[in-house]
């Protein structure tokens, strides 16, 4: 039986699809930046301008909501760690 982590879930519980998709997305953004250091920032600027122009306020609200949710998760994690260490 797999050992349980602090959250009660098995330690080796990795969602490989999400992991590989995330790594691929990071490489898709970083490799062109390294290969084309002059054109890379211009491409990112065009992409950012397109996204903010098309989605406007929704883009900003979703960004703030995401940051708030990550802050909430951080607080929950710290609470779980503090509780687990106190036991």
PDB file of N, CA and C in Angstrom:
ATOM      1  N   UNK A   1       0.843  -1.184   0.000  1.00  0.00           N
ATOM      2  CA  UNK A   1       0.000   0.000   0.000  1.00  0.00           C
ATOM      3  C   UNK A   1       0.880   1.235   0.000  1.00  0.00           C
ATOM      4  N   UNK A   2       0.513   2.269  -0.773  1.00  0.00           N
ATOM      5  CA  UNK A   2       1.311   3.497  -0.872  1.00  0.00           C
ATOM      6  C   UNK A   2       1.226   4.288   0.425  1.00  0.00           C
ATOM      7  N   UNK A   3       2.343   4.919   0.773  1.00  0.00           N
ATOM      8  CA  UNK A   3       2.353   5.763   1.967  1.00  0.00           C
ATOM      9  C   UNK A   3       1.545   7.016   1.706  1.00  0.00           C
ATOM     10  N   UNK A   4       0.942   7.540   2.766  1.00  0.00           N
ATOM     11  CA  UNK A   4       0.142   8.735   2.635  1.00  0.00           C
ATOM     12  C   UNK A   4       0.955   9.961   2.997  1.00  0.00           C
ATOM     13  N   UNK A   5       0.701  11.057   2.296  1.00  0.00           N
ATOM     14  CA  UNK A   5       1.348  12.324   2.590  1.00  0.00           C
ATOM     15  C   UNK A   5       0.559  13.068   3.657  1.00  0.00           C
ATOM     16  N   UNK A   6       0.896  14.338   3.866  1.00  0.00           N
ATOM     17  CA  UNK A   6       0.230  15.145   4.880  1.00  0.00           C
ATOM     18  C   UNK A   6      -1.250  15.349   4.580  1.00  0.00           C
ATOM     19  N   UNK A   7      -1.627  15.377   3.312  1.00  0.00           N
ATOM     20  CA  UNK A   7      -3.019  15.623   2.954  1.00  0.00           C
ATOM     21  C   UNK A   7      -3.870  14.362   2.979  1.00  0.00           C
ATOM     22  N   UNK A   8      -3.263  13.206   3.236  1.00  0.00           N
ATOM     23  CA  UNK A   8      -4.002  11.956   3.241  1.00  0.00           C
ATOM     24  C   UNK A   8      -4.047  11.290   1.880  1.00  0.00           C
ATOM     25  N   UNK A   9      -3.472  11.938   0.849  1.00  0.00           N
ATOM     26  CA  UNK A   9      -3.428  11.354  -0.486  1.00  0.00           C
ATOM     27  C   UNK A   9      -2.139  10.556  -0.646  1.00  0.00           C
ATOM     28  N   UNK A  10      -2.131   9.582  -1.533  1.00  0.00           N
ATOM     29  CA  UNK A  10      -0.884   8.855  -1.780  1.00  0.00           C
ATOM     30  C   UNK A  10       0.212   9.807  -2.253  1.00  0.00           C
ATOM     31  N   UNK A  11       1.457   9.569  -1.822  1.00  0.00           N
ATOM     32  CA  UNK A  11       2.570  10.450  -2.157  1.00  0.00           C
ATOM     33  C   UNK A  11       2.866  10.486  -3.652  1.00  0.00           C
ATOM     34  N   UNK A  12       2.754   9.382  -4.350  1.00  0.00           N
ATOM     35  CA  UNK A  12       3.125   9.309  -5.762  1.00  0.00           C
ATOM     36  C   UNK A  12       1.925   9.497  -6.676  1.00  0.00           C
ATOM     37  N   UNK A  13       1.086  10.443  -6.364  1.00  0.00           N
ATOM     38  CA  UNK A  13      -0.118  10.685  -7.144  1.00  0.00           C
ATOM     39  C   UNK A  13       0.138  11.858  -8.091  1.00  0.00           C
ATOM     40  N   UNK A  14       0.691  11.571  -9.283  1.00  0.00           N
ATOM     41  CA  UNK A  14       1.015  12.603 -10.254  1.00  0.00           C
ATOM     42  C   UNK A  14       0.067  12.475 -11.434  1.00  0.00           C
ATOM     43  N   UNK A  15      -0.537  13.574 -11.816  1.00  0.00           N
ATOM     44  CA  UNK A  15      -1.368  13.609 -13.014  1.00  0.00           C
ATOM     45  C   UNK A  15      -0.432  13.889 -14.188  1.00  0.00           C
ATOM     46  N   UNK A  16      -0.024  12.830 -14.875  1.00  0.00           N
ATOM     47  CA  UNK A  16       1.001  12.949 -15.909  1.00  0.00           C
ATOM     48  C   UNK A  16       0.558  13.793 -17.083  1.00  0.00           C
ATOM     49  N   UNK A  17      -0.717  13.767 -17.434  1.00  0.00           N
ATOM     50  CA  UNK A  17      -1.191  14.586 -18.545  1.00  0.00           C
ATOM     51  C   UNK A  17      -0.990  16.069 -18.241  1.00  0.00           C
ATOM     52  N   UNK A  18      -1.396  16.486 -17.050  1.00  0.00           N
ATOM     53  CA  UNK A  18      -1.247  17.890 -16.660  1.00  0.00           C
ATOM     54  C   UNK A  18       0.227  18.250 -16.553  1.00  0.00           C
ATOM     55  N   UNK A  19       1.032  17.372 -15.987  1.00  0.00           N
ATOM     56  CA  UNK A  19       2.458  17.633 -15.823  1.00  0.00           C
ATOM     57  C   UNK A  19       3.140  17.816 -17.180  1.00  0.00           C
ATOM     58  N   UNK A  20       2.902  16.885 -18.113  1.00  0.00           N
ATOM     59  CA  UNK A  20       3.554  16.949 -19.425  1.00  0.00           C
ATOM     60  C   UNK A  20       3.036  18.151 -20.222  1.00  0.00           C
ATOM     61  N   UNK A  21       1.751  18.441 -20.140  1.00  0.00           N
ATOM     62  CA  UNK A  21       1.196  19.601 -20.840  1.00  0.00           C
ATOM     63  C   UNK A  21       1.792  20.901 -20.301  1.00  0.00           C
ATOM     64  N   UNK A  22       1.983  20.981 -19.001  1.00  0.00           N
ATOM     65  CA  UNK A  22       2.573  22.183 -18.402  1.00  0.00           C
ATOM     66  C   UNK A  22       4.023  22.358 -18.823  1.00  0.00           C
ATOM     67  N   UNK A  23       4.789  21.278 -18.796  1.00  0.00           N
ATOM     68  CA  UNK A  23       6.192  21.350 -19.219  1.00  0.00           C
ATOM     69  C   UNK A  23       6.281  21.734 -20.695  1.00  0.00           C
ATOM     70  N   UNK A  24       5.411  21.168 -21.516  1.00  0.00           N
ATOM     71  CA  UNK A  24       5.418  21.500 -22.948  1.00  0.00           C
ATOM     72  C   UNK A  24       5.091  22.975 -23.166  1.00  0.00           C
ATOM     73  N   UNK A  25       4.135  23.504 -22.421  1.00  0.00           N
ATOM     74  CA  UNK A  25       3.782  24.913 -22.556  1.00  0.00           C
ATOM     75  C   UNK A  25       4.937  25.819 -22.140  1.00  0.00           C
ATOM     76  N   UNK A  26       5.616  25.465 -21.052  1.00  0.00           N
ATOM     77  CA  UNK A  26       6.777  26.251 -20.619  1.00  0.00           C
ATOM     78  C   UNK A  26       7.860  26.221 -21.697  1.00  0.00           C
ATOM     79  N   UNK A  27       8.120  25.058 -22.278  1.00  0.00           N
ATOM     80  CA  UNK A  27       9.130  24.972 -23.336  1.00  0.00           C
ATOM     81  C   UNK A  27       8.704  25.753 -24.580  1.00  0.00           C
ATOM     82  N   UNK A  28       7.411  25.707 -24.919  1.00  0.00           N
ATOM     83  CA  UNK A  28       6.933  26.450 -26.083  1.00  0.00           C
ATOM     84  C   UNK A  28       7.114  27.957 -25.923  1.00  0.00           C
ATOM     85  N   UNK A  29       7.112  28.435 -24.692  1.00  0.00           N
ATOM     86  CA  UNK A  29       7.321  29.858 -24.453  1.00  0.00           C
ATOM     87  C   UNK A  29       8.809  30.176 -24.300  1.00  0.00           C
ATOM     88  N   UNK A  30       9.559  29.330 -23.601  1.00  0.00           N
ATOM     89  CA  UNK A  30      10.960  29.636 -23.277  1.00  0.00           C
ATOM     90  C   UNK A  30      11.945  29.374 -24.418  1.00  0.00           C
ATOM     91  N   UNK A  31      11.751  28.316 -25.172  1.00  0.00           N
ATOM     92  CA  UNK A  31      12.714  27.979 -26.233  1.00  0.00           C
ATOM     93  C   UNK A  31      12.792  29.076 -27.296  1.00  0.00           C
ATOM     94  N   UNK A  32      11.667  29.576 -27.800  1.00  0.00           N
ATOM     95  CA  UNK A  32      11.787  30.675 -28.769  1.00  0.00           C
ATOM     96  C   UNK A  32      12.457  31.921 -28.171  1.00  0.00           C
ATOM     97  N   UNK A  33      12.266  32.142 -26.887  1.00  0.00           N
ATOM     98  CA  UNK A  33      12.925  33.284 -26.239  1.00  0.00           C
ATOM     99  C   UNK A  33      14.443  33.119 -26.269  1.00  0.00           C
ATOM    100  N   UNK A  34      14.910  31.905 -26.065  1.00  0.00           N
ATOM    101  CA  UNK A  34      16.353  31.637 -26.059  1.00  0.00           C
ATOM    102  C   UNK A  34      16.930  31.620 -27.471  1.00  0.00           C
ATOM    103  N   UNK A  35      16.183  31.080 -28.416  1.00  0.00           N
ATOM    104  CA  UNK A  35      16.678  30.962 -29.788  1.00  0.00           C
ATOM    105  C   UNK A  35      16.635  32.310 -30.507  1.00  0.00           C
ATOM    106  N   UNK A  36      15.588  33.082 -30.281  1.00  0.00           N
ATOM    107  CA  UNK A  36      15.428  34.381 -30.932  1.00  0.00           C
ATOM    108  C   UNK A  36      15.296  35.481 -29.875  1.00  0.00           C
ATOM    109  N   UNK A  37      16.405  35.915 -29.260  1.00  0.00           N
ATOM    110  CA  UNK A  37      16.322  36.867 -28.148  1.00  0.00           C
ATOM    111  C   UNK A  37      15.793  38.249 -28.546  1.00  0.00           C
ATOM    112  N   UNK A  38      15.893  38.624 -29.803  1.00  0.00           N
ATOM    113  CA  UNK A  38      15.394  39.937 -30.219  1.00  0.00           C
ATOM    114  C   UNK A  38      13.910  39.864 -30.576  1.00  0.00           C
ATOM    115  N   UNK A  39      13.525  38.849 -31.345  1.00  0.00           N
ATOM    116  CA  UNK A  39      12.143  38.728 -31.794  1.00  0.00           C
ATOM    117  C   UNK A  39      11.211  38.174 -30.712  1.00  0.00           C
ATOM    118  N   UNK A  40      11.765  37.410 -29.770  1.00  0.00           N
ATOM    119  CA  UNK A  40      10.950  36.781 -28.718  1.00  0.00           C
ATOM    120  C   UNK A  40      10.123  37.763 -27.915  1.00  0.00           C
ATOM    121  N   UNK A  41      10.746  38.797 -27.359  1.00  0.00           N
ATOM    122  CA  UNK A  41       9.960  39.767 -26.585  1.00  0.00           C
ATOM    123  C   UNK A  41       8.892  40.474 -27.428  1.00  0.00           C
ATOM    124  N   UNK A  42       9.182  40.708 -28.703  1.00  0.00           N
ATOM    125  CA  UNK A  42       8.179  41.344 -29.562  1.00  0.00           C
ATOM    126  C   UNK A  42       6.983  40.424 -29.752  1.00  0.00           C
ATOM    127  N   UNK A  43       7.231  39.121 -29.903  1.00  0.00           N
ATOM    128  CA  UNK A  43       6.146  38.164 -30.059  1.00  0.00           C
ATOM    129  C   UNK A  43       5.295  38.087 -28.789  1.00  0.00           C
ATOM    130  N   UNK A  44       5.961  38.045 -27.646  1.00  0.00           N
ATOM    131  CA  UNK A  44       5.214  38.021 -26.381  1.00  0.00           C
ATOM    132  C   UNK A  44       4.405  39.292 -26.191  1.00  0.00           C
ATOM    133  N   UNK A  45       4.964  40.427 -26.589  1.00  0.00           N
ATOM    134  CA  UNK A  45       4.245  41.693 -26.472  1.00  0.00           C
ATOM    135  C   UNK A  45       3.002  41.690 -27.360  1.00  0.00           C
ATOM    136  N   UNK A  46       3.141  41.149 -28.586  1.00  0.00           N
ATOM    137  CA  UNK A  46       1.982  41.057 -29.474  1.00  0.00           C
ATOM    138  C   UNK A  46       0.912  40.134 -28.899  1.00  0.00           C
ATOM    139  N   UNK A  47       1.349  38.999 -28.324  1.00  0.00           N
ATOM    140  CA  UNK A  47       0.391  38.065 -27.725  1.00  0.00           C
ATOM    141  C   UNK A  47      -0.316  38.709 -26.529  1.00  0.00           C
ATOM    142  N   UNK A  48       0.443  39.401 -25.691  1.00  0.00           N
ATOM    143  CA  UNK A  48      -0.143  40.064 -24.518  1.00  0.00           C
ATOM    144  C   UNK A  48      -1.136  41.141 -24.951  1.00  0.00           C
ATOM    145  N   UNK A  49      -0.756  41.931 -25.949  1.00  0.00           N
ATOM    146  CA  UNK A  49      -1.640  42.982 -26.449  1.00  0.00           C
ATOM    147  C   UNK A  49      -2.923  42.380 -27.018  1.00  0.00           C
ATOM    148  N   UNK A  50      -2.815  41.277 -27.740  1.00  0.00           N
ATOM    149  CA  UNK A  50      -3.997  40.613 -28.296  1.00  0.00           C
ATOM    150  C   UNK A  50      -4.931  40.133 -27.189  1.00  0.00           C
ATOM    151  N   UNK A  51      -4.353  39.437 -26.196  1.00  0.00           N
ATOM    152  CA  UNK A  51      -5.183  38.877 -25.114  1.00  0.00           C
ATOM    153  C   UNK A  51      -5.855  39.990 -24.319  1.00  0.00           C
ATOM    154  N   UNK A  52      -5.094  41.016 -23.940  1.00  0.00           N
ATOM    155  CA  UNK A  52      -5.700  42.096 -23.157  1.00  0.00           C
ATOM    156  C   UNK A  52      -6.682  42.908 -23.992  1.00  0.00           C
ATOM    157  N   UNK A  53      -6.410  43.041 -25.300  1.00  0.00           N
ATOM    158  CA  UNK A  53      -7.331  43.774 -26.162  1.00  0.00           C
ATOM    159  C   UNK A  53      -8.632  43.032 -26.396  1.00  0.00           C
ATOM    160  N   UNK A  54      -8.556  41.712 -26.563  1.00  0.00           N
ATOM    161  CA  UNK A  54      -9.750  40.916 -26.824  1.00  0.00           C
ATOM    162  C   UNK A  54     -10.587  40.676 -25.565  1.00  0.00           C
ATOM    163  N   UNK A  55      -9.927  40.423 -24.447  1.00  0.00           N
ATOM    164  CA  UNK A  55     -10.653  40.046 -23.238  1.00  0.00           C
ATOM    165  C   UNK A  55     -10.748  41.169 -22.217  1.00  0.00           C
ATOM    166  N   UNK A  56      -9.902  42.175 -22.324  1.00  0.00           N
ATOM    167  CA  UNK A  56      -9.984  43.381 -21.501  1.00  0.00           C
ATOM    168  C   UNK A  56     -10.144  43.133 -20.013  1.00  0.00           C
ATOM    169  N   UNK A  57     -11.265  43.619 -19.487  1.00  0.00           N
ATOM    170  CA  UNK A  57     -11.533  43.558 -18.058  1.00  0.00           C
ATOM    171  C   UNK A  57     -11.638  42.112 -17.570  1.00  0.00           C
ATOM    172  N   UNK A  58     -12.179  41.237 -18.388  1.00  0.00           N
ATOM    173  CA  UNK A  58     -12.306  39.826 -17.999  1.00  0.00           C
ATOM    174  C   UNK A  58     -10.927  39.230 -17.733  1.00  0.00           C
ATOM    175  N   UNK A  59      -9.959  39.575 -18.560  1.00  0.00           N
ATOM    176  CA  UNK A  59      -8.585  39.090 -18.373  1.00  0.00           C
ATOM    177  C   UNK A  59      -8.039  39.546 -17.018  1.00  0.00           C
ATOM    178  N   UNK A  60      -8.223  40.810 -16.703  1.00  0.00           N
ATOM    179  CA  UNK A  60      -7.719  41.346 -15.431  1.00  0.00           C
ATOM    180  C   UNK A  60      -8.450  40.695 -14.257  1.00  0.00           C
ATOM    181  N   UNK A  61      -9.764  40.561 -14.340  1.00  0.00           N
ATOM    182  CA  UNK A  61     -10.529  39.950 -13.248  1.00  0.00           C
ATOM    183  C   UNK A  61     -10.134  38.491 -13.026  1.00  0.00           C
ATOM    184  N   UNK A  62      -9.937  37.751 -14.100  1.00  0.00           N
ATOM    185  CA  UNK A  62      -9.536  36.354 -13.948  1.00  0.00           C
ATOM    186  C   UNK A  62      -8.129  36.250 -13.355  1.00  0.00           C
ATOM    187  N   UNK A  63      -7.247  37.166 -13.723  1.00  0.00           N
ATOM    188  CA  UNK A  63      -5.898  37.171 -13.147  1.00  0.00           C
ATOM    189  C   UNK A  63      -5.953  37.432 -11.646  1.00  0.00           C
ATOM    190  N   UNK A  64      -6.731  38.413 -11.246  1.00  0.00           N
ATOM    191  CA  UNK A  64      -6.864  38.734  -9.820  1.00  0.00           C
ATOM    192  C   UNK A  64      -7.530  37.579  -9.083  1.00  0.00           C
ATOM    193  N   UNK A  65      -8.544  36.967  -9.688  1.00  0.00           N
ATOM    194  CA  UNK A  65      -9.215  35.824  -9.073  1.00  0.00           C
ATOM    195  C   UNK A  65      -8.240  34.654  -8.895  1.00  0.00           C
ATOM    196  N   UNK A  66      -7.422  34.410  -9.896  1.00  0.00           N
ATOM    197  CA  UNK A  66      -6.431  33.329  -9.807  1.00  0.00           C
ATOM    198  C   UNK A  66      -5.442  33.596  -8.691  1.00  0.00           C
ATOM    199  N   UNK A  67      -4.947  34.817  -8.595  1.00  0.00           N
ATOM    200  CA  UNK A  67      -4.015  35.157  -7.514  1.00  0.00           C
ATOM    201  C   UNK A  67      -4.672  35.007  -6.146  1.00  0.00           C
ATOM    202  N   UNK A  68      -5.925  35.417  -6.045  1.00  0.00           N
ATOM    203  CA  UNK A  68      -6.646  35.249  -4.780  1.00  0.00           C
ATOM    204  C   UNK A  68      -6.811  33.784  -4.416  1.00  0.00           C
ATOM    205  N   UNK A  69      -7.147  32.958  -5.393  1.00  0.00           N
ATOM    206  CA  UNK A  69      -7.308  31.528  -5.152  1.00  0.00           C
ATOM    207  C   UNK A  69      -5.987  30.888  -4.730  1.00  0.00           C
ATOM    208  N   UNK A  70      -4.887  31.277  -5.382  1.00  0.00           N
ATOM    209  CA  UNK A  70      -3.571  30.748  -4.996  1.00  0.00           C
ATOM    210  C   UNK A  70      -3.207  31.179  -3.584  1.00  0.00           C
ATOM    211  N   UNK A  71      -3.559  32.396  -3.216  1.00  0.00           N
ATOM    212  CA  UNK A  71      -3.329  32.849  -1.838  1.00  0.00           C
ATOM    213  C   UNK A  71      -4.134  32.026  -0.844  1.00  0.00           C
ATOM    214  N   UNK A  72      -5.375  31.717  -1.190  1.00  0.00           N
ATOM    215  CA  UNK A  72      -6.218  30.876  -0.347  1.00  0.00           C
ATOM    216  C   UNK A  72      -5.602  29.486  -0.188  1.00  0.00           C
ATOM    217  N   UNK A  73      -5.147  28.895  -1.299  1.00  0.00           N
ATOM    218  CA  UNK A  73      -4.516  27.574  -1.227  1.00  0.00           C
ATOM    219  C   UNK A  73      -3.264  27.607  -0.366  1.00  0.00           C
ATOM    220  N   UNK A  74      -2.481  28.672  -0.486  1.00  0.00           N
ATOM    221  CA  UNK A  74      -1.274  28.805   0.335  1.00  0.00           C
ATOM    222  C   UNK A  74      -1.648  28.827   1.824  1.00  0.00           C
ATOM    223  N   UNK A  75      -2.680  29.581   2.145  1.00  0.00           N
ATOM    224  CA  UNK A  75      -3.134  29.628   3.537  1.00  0.00           C
ATOM    225  C   UNK A  75      -3.589  28.274   4.043  1.00  0.00           C
ATOM    226  N   UNK A  76      -4.324  27.550   3.197  1.00  0.00           N
ATOM    227  CA  UNK A  76      -4.774  26.209   3.584  1.00  0.00           C
ATOM    228  C   UNK A  76      -3.599  25.264   3.790  1.00  0.00           C
ATOM    229  N   UNK A  77      -2.602  25.358   2.886  1.00  0.00           N
ATOM    230  CA  UNK A  77      -1.430  24.501   2.997  1.00  0.00           C
ATOM    231  C   UNK A  77      -0.671  24.799   4.288  1.00  0.00           C
ATOM    232  N   UNK A  78      -0.492  26.073   4.591  1.00  0.00           N
ATOM    233  CA  UNK A  78       0.210  26.428   5.824  1.00  0.00           C
ATOM    234  C   UNK A  78      -0.548  25.947   7.050  1.00  0.00           C
ATOM    235  N   UNK A  79      -1.878  26.023   7.001  1.00  0.00           N
ATOM    236  CA  UNK A  79      -2.687  25.530   8.120  1.00  0.00           C
ATOM    237  C   UNK A  79      -2.515  24.023   8.275  1.00  0.00           C
ATOM    238  N   UNK A  80      -2.540  23.285   7.164  1.00  0.00           N
ATOM    239  CA  UNK A  80      -2.360  21.824   7.220  1.00  0.00           C
ATOM    240  C   UNK A  80      -0.980  21.458   7.743  1.00  0.00           C
ATOM    241  N   UNK A  81       0.034  22.168   7.281  1.00  0.00           N
ATOM    242  CA  UNK A  81       1.403  21.880   7.732  1.00  0.00           C
ATOM    243  C   UNK A  81       1.568  22.182   9.208  1.00  0.00           C
ATOM    244  N   UNK A  82       1.024  23.303   9.650  1.00  0.00           N
ATOM    245  CA  UNK A  82       1.131  23.673  11.056  1.00  0.00           C
ATOM    246  C   UNK A  82       0.425  22.653  11.938  1.00  0.00           C
ATOM    247  N   UNK A  83      -0.755  22.216  11.512  1.00  0.00           N
ATOM    248  CA  UNK A  83      -1.517  21.228  12.263  1.00  0.00           C
ATOM    249  C   UNK A  83      -0.785  19.890  12.305  1.00  0.00           C
ATOM    250  N   UNK A  84      -0.230  19.476  11.155  1.00  0.00           N
ATOM    251  CA  UNK A  84       0.478  18.186  11.083  1.00  0.00           C
ATOM    252  C   UNK A  84       1.745  18.202  11.920  1.00  0.00           C
ATOM    253  N   UNK A  85       2.446  19.314  11.912  1.00  0.00           N
ATOM    254  CA  UNK A  85       3.682  19.403  12.697  1.00  0.00           C
ATOM    255  C   UNK A  85       3.421  19.491  14.186  1.00  0.00           C
ATOM    256  N   UNK A  86       2.263  20.050  14.555  1.00  0.00           N
ATOM    257  CA  UNK A  86       1.921  20.183  15.971  1.00  0.00           C
ATOM    258  C   UNK A  86       1.518  18.837  16.586  1.00  0.00           C
ATOM    259  N   UNK A  87       1.085  17.908  15.756  1.00  0.00           N
ATOM    260  CA  UNK A  87       0.625  16.608  16.276  1.00  0.00           C
ATOM    261  C   UNK A  87       1.746  15.704  16.655  1.00  0.00           C
TER     262      UNK A  87
END
